[in-house]
C-alpha atoms as a PDB file:
ATOM      1  CA  MET A   1      13.210 -17.103   5.084  1.00  0.00           C
ATOM      2  CA  ASP A   2      16.348 -15.774   3.973  1.00  0.00           C
ATOM      3  CA  PHE A   3      15.923 -11.931   4.734  1.00  0.00           C
ATOM      4  CA  ASN A   4      19.881 -11.117   3.603  1.00  0.00           C
ATOM      5  CA  ALA A   5      19.348 -12.234   0.471  1.00  0.00           C
ATOM      6  CA  TRP A   6      16.771 -10.013  -0.932  1.00  0.00           C
ATOM      7  CA  ARG A   7      17.415  -7.899  -3.614  1.00  0.00           C
ATOM      8  CA  PRO A   8      16.589  -3.568  -2.422  1.00  0.00           C
ATOM      9  CA  GLU A   9      13.752  -4.282  -5.435  1.00  0.00           C
ATOM     10  CA  ASP A  10      12.109  -6.892  -3.221  1.00  0.00           C
ATOM     11  CA  THR A  11      12.601  -5.086  -0.109  1.00  0.00           C
ATOM     12  CA  ALA A  12      11.134  -1.986  -1.629  1.00  0.00           C
ATOM     13  CA  ARG A  13       8.082  -3.639  -3.468  1.00  0.00           C
ATOM     14  CA  ARG A  14       7.009  -5.938  -0.019  1.00  0.00           C
ATOM     15  CA  PHE A  15       6.906  -2.424   2.211  1.00  0.00           C
ATOM     16  CA  SER A  16       5.078  -0.610  -0.157  1.00  0.00           C
ATOM     17  CA  ILE A  17       2.219  -3.340  -0.990  1.00  0.00           C
ATOM     18  CA  MET A  18       2.658  -3.686   2.773  1.00  0.00           C
ATOM     19  CA  GLY A  19       1.876   0.332   3.030  1.00  0.00           C
ATOM     20  CA  ALA A  20      -0.500   0.215   0.571  1.00  0.00           C
ATOM     21  CA  SER A  21      -2.589  -2.153   1.508  1.00  0.00           C
ATOM     22  CA  SER A  22      -2.721  -1.429   4.404  1.00  0.00           C
ATOM     23  CA  LEU A  23      -3.378   1.603   4.576  1.00  0.00           C
ATOM     24  CA  GLY A  24      -5.794   1.407   1.669  1.00  0.00           C
ATOM     25  CA  THR A  25      -7.772  -1.468   4.415  1.00  0.00           C
ATOM     26  CA  PHE A  26      -8.177   1.470   6.955  1.00  0.00           C
ATOM     27  CA  LEU A  27      -9.327   3.955   4.053  1.00  0.00           C
ATOM     28  CA  TRP A  28     -12.028   1.254   2.812  1.00  0.00           C
ATOM     29  CA  ILE A  29     -13.327   0.499   6.675  1.00  0.00           C
ATOM     30  CA  GLY A  30     -13.237   4.814   7.386  1.00  0.00           C
ATOM     31  CA  LEU A  31     -14.784   5.340   4.772  1.00  0.00           C
ATOM     32  CA  TRP A  32     -17.552   2.687   5.118  1.00  0.00           C
ATOM     33  CA  LEU A  33     -17.796   2.386   8.729  1.00  0.00           C
ATOM     34  CA  GLY A  34     -16.993   6.407   9.800  1.00  0.00           C
ATOM     35  CA  SER A  35     -19.165   8.082   6.931  1.00  0.00           C
ATOM     36  CA  GLY A  36     -21.776   5.371   5.786  1.00  0.00           C
ATOM     37  CA  LEU A  37     -20.494   5.903   2.284  1.00  0.00           C
ATOM     38  CA  ASN A  38     -21.892   2.541   0.000  1.00  0.00           C
ATOM     39  CA  PRO A  39     -19.415  -0.882   1.006  1.00  0.00           C
ATOM     40  CA  LEU A  40     -18.904  -0.747  -3.089  1.00  0.00           C
ATOM     41  CA  LEU A  41     -17.832   2.665  -3.371  1.00  0.00           C
ATOM     42  CA  ALA A  42     -15.952   2.970  -0.300  1.00  0.00           C
ATOM     43  CA  LEU A  43     -13.584  -0.501  -1.321  1.00  0.00           C
ATOM     44  CA  LEU A  44     -13.329   1.318  -4.678  1.00  0.00           C
ATOM     45  CA  VAL A  45     -11.751   4.452  -3.322  1.00  0.00           C
ATOM     46  CA  GLY A  46      -9.254   2.186  -0.606  1.00  0.00           C
ATOM     47  CA  ILE A  47      -8.773  -0.434  -4.010  1.00  0.00           C
ATOM     48  CA  LEU A  48      -7.607   3.815  -6.043  1.00  0.00           C
ATOM     49  CA  VAL A  49      -6.147   4.617  -2.535  1.00  0.00           C
ATOM     50  CA  GLY A  50      -3.718   1.849  -2.414  1.00  0.00           C
ATOM     51  CA  ALA A  51      -2.625   1.741  -6.014  1.00  0.00           C
ATOM     52  CA  LEU A  52      -1.967   5.081  -5.945  1.00  0.00           C
ATOM     53  CA  THR A  53       0.025   4.742  -3.062  1.00  0.00           C
ATOM     54  CA  HIS A  54       1.707   1.729  -4.350  1.00  0.00           C
ATOM     55  CA  LEU A  55       2.991   3.288  -7.544  1.00  0.00           C
ATOM     56  CA  ILE A  56       4.672   6.330  -4.786  1.00  0.00           C
ATOM     57  CA  ALA A  57       6.127   4.700  -2.503  1.00  0.00           C
ATOM     58  CA  PHE A  58       7.498   2.060  -4.424  1.00  0.00           C
ATOM     59  CA  PRO A  59      10.208   3.808  -6.482  1.00  0.00           C
ATOM     60  CA  ILE A  60      11.519   5.949  -3.570  1.00  0.00           C
ATOM     61  CA  LEU A  61      11.578   2.726  -1.486  1.00  0.00           C
ATOM     62  CA  ARG A  62      13.972   1.555  -4.195  1.00  0.00           C
ATOM     63  CA  ALA A  63      16.202   4.666  -3.644  1.00  0.00           C
ATOM     64  CA  ILE A  64      16.164   4.366  -0.178  1.00  0.00           C
ATOM     65  CA  PHE A  65      17.013   0.579   0.272  1.00  0.00           C
ATOM     66  CA  ARG A  66      19.843   0.613  -2.823  1.00  0.00           C
ATOM     67  CA  ARG A  67      21.732   3.061  -0.908  1.00  0.00           C
END
């Protein structure tokens, strides 16, 4: 895989998905095991936070990588 061939949009999308999925997974496990929340409810919260993180981080990272 040629990392130099990635466009700024590709890099921003991959980094935002990586960060959002990491945060969503961490939050899901933390809510489920740490606070004793129902696993399905904790999964739903993790998915929602991950999706919101991606929607916020992607335009910011795209603007940073276009410089």
